[in-house]
Amino acid sequence: MSYMEDGEIEISQGKQETVVKILVRFAAKHMHVIDTLAPATDPEHLFVIDLSQTRYLDSSGLGFLLRLREQVKGTAKNLVVRGASLEMRTLLESAQFNRLFRIE
């Protein structure tokens, strides 16, 4: 499955991993996108949040990550944040998201 919302969020779901790519900036209007994701039946299935092209993440973006975690019943083992800039990585770590997600 592949899905794109306003050219700002892209989701590709495969057998072994689901990638949620936030392009440029997250907006609160994108929260409903989470409802399109289903929990994995395989505990090894990875949910990857790709922030490599994200330039801005605020509290609604952090809320999106928490809601995503809840929706897919994820753990720090199968939830991965990739490509976060130093600024975003600092934000995630200061909010202790490194306890909920694996940050790479």
N, C-alpha and C. Protein backbone atom coordinates (compact mmCIF):
# COMPACT_ATOMS: atom_id res chain seq x y z
N MET A 1 0.83 -1.17 0.00
CA MET A 1 0.00 0.00 0.00
C MET A 1 0.89 1.24 0.00
N SER A 2 0.46 2.24 -0.73
CA SER A 2 1.16 3.51 -0.76
C SER A 2 0.13 4.62 -0.67
N TYR A 3 0.46 5.68 0.04
CA TYR A 3 -0.51 6.74 0.30
C TYR A 3 0.24 8.06 0.39
N MET A 4 -0.35 9.12 -0.17
CA MET A 4 0.26 10.44 -0.04
C MET A 4 -0.83 11.44 0.34
N GLU A 5 -0.52 12.31 1.27
CA GLU A 5 -1.45 13.34 1.76
C GLU A 5 -0.89 14.71 1.41
N ASP A 6 -1.55 15.42 0.51
CA ASP A 6 -1.17 16.80 0.15
C ASP A 6 0.31 16.95 -0.22
N GLY A 7 0.95 15.89 -0.65
CA GLY A 7 2.37 15.97 -0.96
C GLY A 7 3.24 16.24 0.25
N GLU A 8 2.66 16.09 1.46
CA GLU A 8 3.40 16.41 2.67
C GLU A 8 3.69 15.20 3.55
N ILE A 9 2.89 14.15 3.41
CA ILE A 9 3.13 12.90 4.14
C ILE A 9 2.98 11.76 3.15
N GLU A 10 3.93 10.87 3.19
CA GLU A 10 3.92 9.72 2.29
C GLU A 10 4.02 8.45 3.14
N ILE A 11 3.16 7.49 2.86
CA ILE A 11 3.18 6.23 3.60
C ILE A 11 3.34 5.09 2.61
N SER A 12 4.29 4.23 2.86
CA SER A 12 4.41 3.01 2.07
C SER A 12 4.46 1.84 3.05
N GLN A 13 3.57 0.91 2.82
CA GLN A 13 3.43 -0.22 3.74
C GLN A 13 3.78 -1.50 2.99
N GLY A 14 4.80 -2.20 3.51
CA GLY A 14 5.22 -3.47 2.94
C GLY A 14 5.10 -4.58 3.96
N LYS A 15 5.58 -5.76 3.59
CA LYS A 15 5.49 -6.91 4.49
C LYS A 15 6.37 -6.76 5.72
N GLN A 16 7.58 -6.19 5.54
CA GLN A 16 8.53 -6.13 6.65
C GLN A 16 8.63 -4.77 7.32
N GLU A 17 8.19 -3.71 6.62
CA GLU A 17 8.23 -2.41 7.25
C GLU A 17 7.21 -1.46 6.64
N THR A 18 6.80 -0.52 7.46
CA THR A 18 5.92 0.56 7.04
C THR A 18 6.71 1.84 7.25
N VAL A 19 6.79 2.67 6.21
CA VAL A 19 7.54 3.92 6.30
C VAL A 19 6.56 5.09 6.21
N VAL A 20 6.63 5.95 7.21
CA VAL A 20 5.85 7.19 7.22
C VAL A 20 6.87 8.31 7.03
N LYS A 21 6.81 8.96 5.87
CA LYS A 21 7.77 10.00 5.55
C LYS A 21 7.08 11.35 5.63
N ILE A 22 7.57 12.19 6.53
CA ILE A 22 7.02 13.53 6.69
C ILE A 22 7.88 14.48 5.86
N LEU A 23 7.27 15.05 4.83
CA LEU A 23 8.00 15.91 3.90
C LEU A 23 7.89 17.38 4.33
N VAL A 24 8.99 17.99 4.58
CA VAL A 24 9.16 19.39 4.93
C VAL A 24 8.61 19.76 6.31
N ARG A 25 7.29 19.64 6.51
CA ARG A 25 6.70 20.13 7.75
C ARG A 25 5.46 19.32 8.10
N PHE A 26 5.33 19.00 9.37
CA PHE A 26 4.13 18.31 9.83
C PHE A 26 3.09 19.36 10.21
N ALA A 27 1.83 19.09 9.87
CA ALA A 27 0.74 19.99 10.27
C ALA A 27 -0.33 19.16 10.97
N ALA A 28 -1.04 19.79 11.89
CA ALA A 28 -2.08 19.09 12.66
C ALA A 28 -3.13 18.46 11.75
N LYS A 29 -3.35 19.02 10.57
CA LYS A 29 -4.35 18.48 9.65
C LYS A 29 -4.00 17.06 9.18
N HIS A 30 -2.79 16.63 9.43
CA HIS A 30 -2.36 15.29 9.00
C HIS A 30 -2.63 14.20 10.02
N MET A 31 -3.17 14.54 11.18
CA MET A 31 -3.39 13.54 12.24
C MET A 31 -4.24 12.36 11.76
N HIS A 32 -5.22 12.61 10.91
CA HIS A 32 -6.11 11.53 10.48
C HIS A 32 -5.39 10.45 9.68
N VAL A 33 -4.21 10.76 9.16
CA VAL A 33 -3.43 9.79 8.37
C VAL A 33 -3.14 8.54 9.20
N ILE A 34 -2.97 8.70 10.49
CA ILE A 34 -2.66 7.58 11.38
C ILE A 34 -3.72 6.50 11.30
N ASP A 35 -4.97 6.91 11.10
CA ASP A 35 -6.07 5.95 11.06
C ASP A 35 -5.95 4.97 9.90
N THR A 36 -5.12 5.29 8.91
CA THR A 36 -4.94 4.38 7.77
C THR A 36 -3.98 3.24 8.09
N LEU A 37 -3.28 3.34 9.21
CA LEU A 37 -2.28 2.33 9.57
C LEU A 37 -2.86 1.27 10.50
N ALA A 38 -2.49 0.05 10.25
CA ALA A 38 -2.96 -1.06 11.09
C ALA A 38 -1.78 -1.63 11.86
N PRO A 39 -2.03 -2.15 13.07
CA PRO A 39 -0.96 -2.80 13.81
C PRO A 39 -0.42 -3.99 13.01
N ALA A 40 0.86 -4.24 13.14
CA ALA A 40 1.47 -5.37 12.44
C ALA A 40 1.11 -6.67 13.15
N THR A 41 0.89 -7.70 12.36
CA THR A 41 0.65 -9.02 12.95
C THR A 41 1.97 -9.70 13.28
N ASP A 42 3.04 -9.27 12.62
CA ASP A 42 4.37 -9.82 12.86
C ASP A 42 5.11 -8.89 13.83
N PRO A 43 5.55 -9.40 14.98
CA PRO A 43 6.24 -8.55 15.96
C PRO A 43 7.56 -7.97 15.44
N GLU A 44 8.09 -8.53 14.36
CA GLU A 44 9.34 -8.03 13.77
C GLU A 44 9.10 -6.90 12.76
N HIS A 45 7.84 -6.64 12.43
CA HIS A 45 7.51 -5.59 11.47
C HIS A 45 7.95 -4.23 12.02
N LEU A 46 8.68 -3.47 11.22
CA LEU A 46 9.17 -2.16 11.64
C LEU A 46 8.23 -1.05 11.17
N PHE A 47 8.05 -0.07 12.01
CA PHE A 47 7.36 1.15 11.64
C PHE A 47 8.42 2.24 11.68
N VAL A 48 8.73 2.80 10.52
CA VAL A 48 9.80 3.78 10.38
C VAL A 48 9.19 5.16 10.14
N ILE A 49 9.58 6.12 10.93
CA ILE A 49 9.18 7.50 10.71
C ILE A 49 10.40 8.20 10.14
N ASP A 50 10.32 8.56 8.87
CA ASP A 50 11.44 9.16 8.15
C ASP A 50 11.33 10.68 8.24
N LEU A 51 12.26 11.28 8.95
CA LEU A 51 12.27 12.74 9.12
C LEU A 51 13.39 13.39 8.31
N SER A 52 13.97 12.67 7.38
CA SER A 52 15.13 13.18 6.64
C SER A 52 14.82 14.44 5.84
N GLN A 53 13.56 14.64 5.45
CA GLN A 53 13.20 15.84 4.69
C GLN A 53 12.35 16.81 5.52
N THR A 54 12.16 16.49 6.79
CA THR A 54 11.33 17.32 7.66
C THR A 54 12.16 18.48 8.18
N ARG A 55 11.64 19.68 8.05
CA ARG A 55 12.35 20.87 8.51
C ARG A 55 11.73 21.46 9.76
N TYR A 56 10.50 21.04 10.10
CA TYR A 56 9.82 21.64 11.25
C TYR A 56 8.94 20.60 11.91
N LEU A 57 9.05 20.50 13.22
CA LEU A 57 8.23 19.57 14.01
C LEU A 57 7.89 20.29 15.31
N ASP A 58 6.59 20.44 15.58
CA ASP A 58 6.17 21.11 16.80
C ASP A 58 5.43 20.13 17.70
N SER A 59 4.70 20.64 18.68
CA SER A 59 4.01 19.75 19.63
C SER A 59 2.97 18.88 18.94
N SER A 60 2.34 19.36 17.87
CA SER A 60 1.39 18.51 17.16
C SER A 60 2.12 17.37 16.45
N GLY A 61 3.34 17.61 16.02
CA GLY A 61 4.16 16.55 15.42
C GLY A 61 4.53 15.50 16.46
N LEU A 62 4.86 15.94 17.67
CA LEU A 62 5.15 15.00 18.75
C LEU A 62 3.90 14.20 19.10
N GLY A 63 2.76 14.88 19.10
CA GLY A 63 1.48 14.20 19.34
C GLY A 63 1.20 13.16 18.27
N PHE A 64 1.55 13.48 17.03
CA PHE A 64 1.39 12.54 15.91
C PHE A 64 2.20 11.28 16.18
N LEU A 65 3.44 11.44 16.62
CA LEU A 65 4.30 10.29 16.90
C LEU A 65 3.72 9.43 18.02
N LEU A 66 3.20 10.07 19.07
CA LEU A 66 2.59 9.31 20.17
C LEU A 66 1.34 8.58 19.72
N ARG A 67 0.53 9.25 18.93
CA ARG A 67 -0.70 8.61 18.44
C ARG A 67 -0.37 7.46 17.49
N LEU A 68 0.65 7.63 16.67
CA LEU A 68 1.10 6.56 15.78
C LEU A 68 1.52 5.35 16.61
N ARG A 69 2.29 5.60 17.65
CA ARG A 69 2.75 4.51 18.53
C ARG A 69 1.57 3.75 19.11
N GLU A 70 0.57 4.48 19.55
CA GLU A 70 -0.63 3.87 20.13
C GLU A 70 -1.42 3.09 19.07
N GLN A 71 -1.59 3.68 17.89
CA GLN A 71 -2.37 3.06 16.82
C GLN A 71 -1.80 1.72 16.38
N VAL A 72 -0.47 1.66 16.24
CA VAL A 72 0.15 0.43 15.73
C VAL A 72 0.63 -0.48 16.85
N LYS A 73 0.33 -0.08 18.10
CA LYS A 73 0.75 -0.86 19.27
C LYS A 73 2.26 -1.11 19.24
N GLY A 74 2.99 -0.04 18.95
CA GLY A 74 4.43 -0.14 18.79
C GLY A 74 5.21 -0.07 20.08
N THR A 75 6.46 -0.50 19.99
CA THR A 75 7.40 -0.46 21.11
C THR A 75 8.71 0.15 20.62
N ALA A 76 9.62 0.40 21.53
CA ALA A 76 10.92 0.94 21.13
C ALA A 76 11.67 -0.04 20.23
N LYS A 77 11.26 -1.30 20.23
CA LYS A 77 11.91 -2.30 19.39
C LYS A 77 11.48 -2.17 17.92
N ASN A 78 10.21 -1.87 17.68
CA ASN A 78 9.76 -1.85 16.29
C ASN A 78 9.36 -0.47 15.77
N LEU A 79 9.57 0.58 16.57
CA LEU A 79 9.32 1.95 16.13
C LEU A 79 10.65 2.66 15.97
N VAL A 80 10.92 3.13 14.76
CA VAL A 80 12.22 3.73 14.46
C VAL A 80 12.02 5.12 13.87
N VAL A 81 12.74 6.09 14.39
CA VAL A 81 12.78 7.43 13.81
C VAL A 81 14.12 7.54 13.10
N ARG A 82 14.06 7.84 11.79
CA ARG A 82 15.30 7.93 11.00
C ARG A 82 15.44 9.31 10.38
N GLY A 83 16.67 9.72 10.24
CA GLY A 83 16.98 10.93 9.48
C GLY A 83 16.67 12.25 10.17
N ALA A 84 16.47 12.24 11.48
CA ALA A 84 16.16 13.49 12.19
C ALA A 84 17.39 14.38 12.21
N SER A 85 17.18 15.66 11.97
CA SER A 85 18.28 16.62 12.06
C SER A 85 18.73 16.70 13.52
N LEU A 86 19.87 17.31 13.74
CA LEU A 86 20.39 17.46 15.11
C LEU A 86 19.38 18.20 15.98
N GLU A 87 18.77 19.24 15.43
CA GLU A 87 17.78 20.03 16.17
C GLU A 87 16.57 19.17 16.55
N MET A 88 16.07 18.39 15.61
CA MET A 88 14.92 17.53 15.89
C MET A 88 15.28 16.40 16.84
N ARG A 89 16.47 15.87 16.67
CA ARG A 89 16.94 14.79 17.55
C ARG A 89 17.01 15.30 19.00
N THR A 90 17.52 16.52 19.18
CA THR A 90 17.59 17.13 20.50
C THR A 90 16.19 17.31 21.09
N LEU A 91 15.25 17.77 20.26
CA LEU A 91 13.86 17.92 20.69
C LEU A 91 13.28 16.58 21.13
N LEU A 92 13.48 15.54 20.33
CA LEU A 92 12.95 14.21 20.64
C LEU A 92 13.56 13.66 21.93
N GLU A 93 14.85 13.85 22.10
CA GLU A 93 15.52 13.34 23.29
C GLU A 93 15.13 14.13 24.54
N SER A 94 14.95 15.44 24.41
CA SER A 94 14.55 16.23 25.58
C SER A 94 13.12 15.89 26.01
N ALA A 95 12.30 15.43 25.07
CA ALA A 95 10.94 14.98 25.40
C ALA A 95 10.93 13.49 25.76
N GLN A 96 12.11 12.89 25.84
CA GLN A 96 12.31 11.48 26.20
C GLN A 96 11.65 10.51 25.22
N PHE A 97 11.55 10.91 23.97
CA PHE A 97 11.00 10.03 22.95
C PHE A 97 11.97 8.90 22.62
N ASN A 98 13.23 9.06 23.02
CA ASN A 98 14.20 7.99 22.80
C ASN A 98 13.89 6.77 23.68
N ARG A 99 12.99 6.91 24.63
CA ARG A 99 12.54 5.76 25.42
C ARG A 99 11.40 5.02 24.73
N LEU A 100 10.72 5.71 23.83
CA LEU A 100 9.55 5.13 23.15
C LEU A 100 9.85 4.69 21.74
N PHE A 101 10.86 5.31 21.13
CA PHE A 101 11.24 5.04 19.75
C PHE A 101 12.74 4.79 19.69
N ARG A 102 13.16 4.02 18.73
CA ARG A 102 14.59 3.88 18.45
C ARG A 102 14.94 5.03 17.51
N ILE A 103 15.86 5.88 17.89
CA ILE A 103 16.23 7.03 17.06
C ILE A 103 17.56 6.73 16.38
N GLU A 104 17.52 6.72 15.07
CA GLU A 104 18.72 6.39 14.27
C GLU A 104 19.14 7.59 13.45
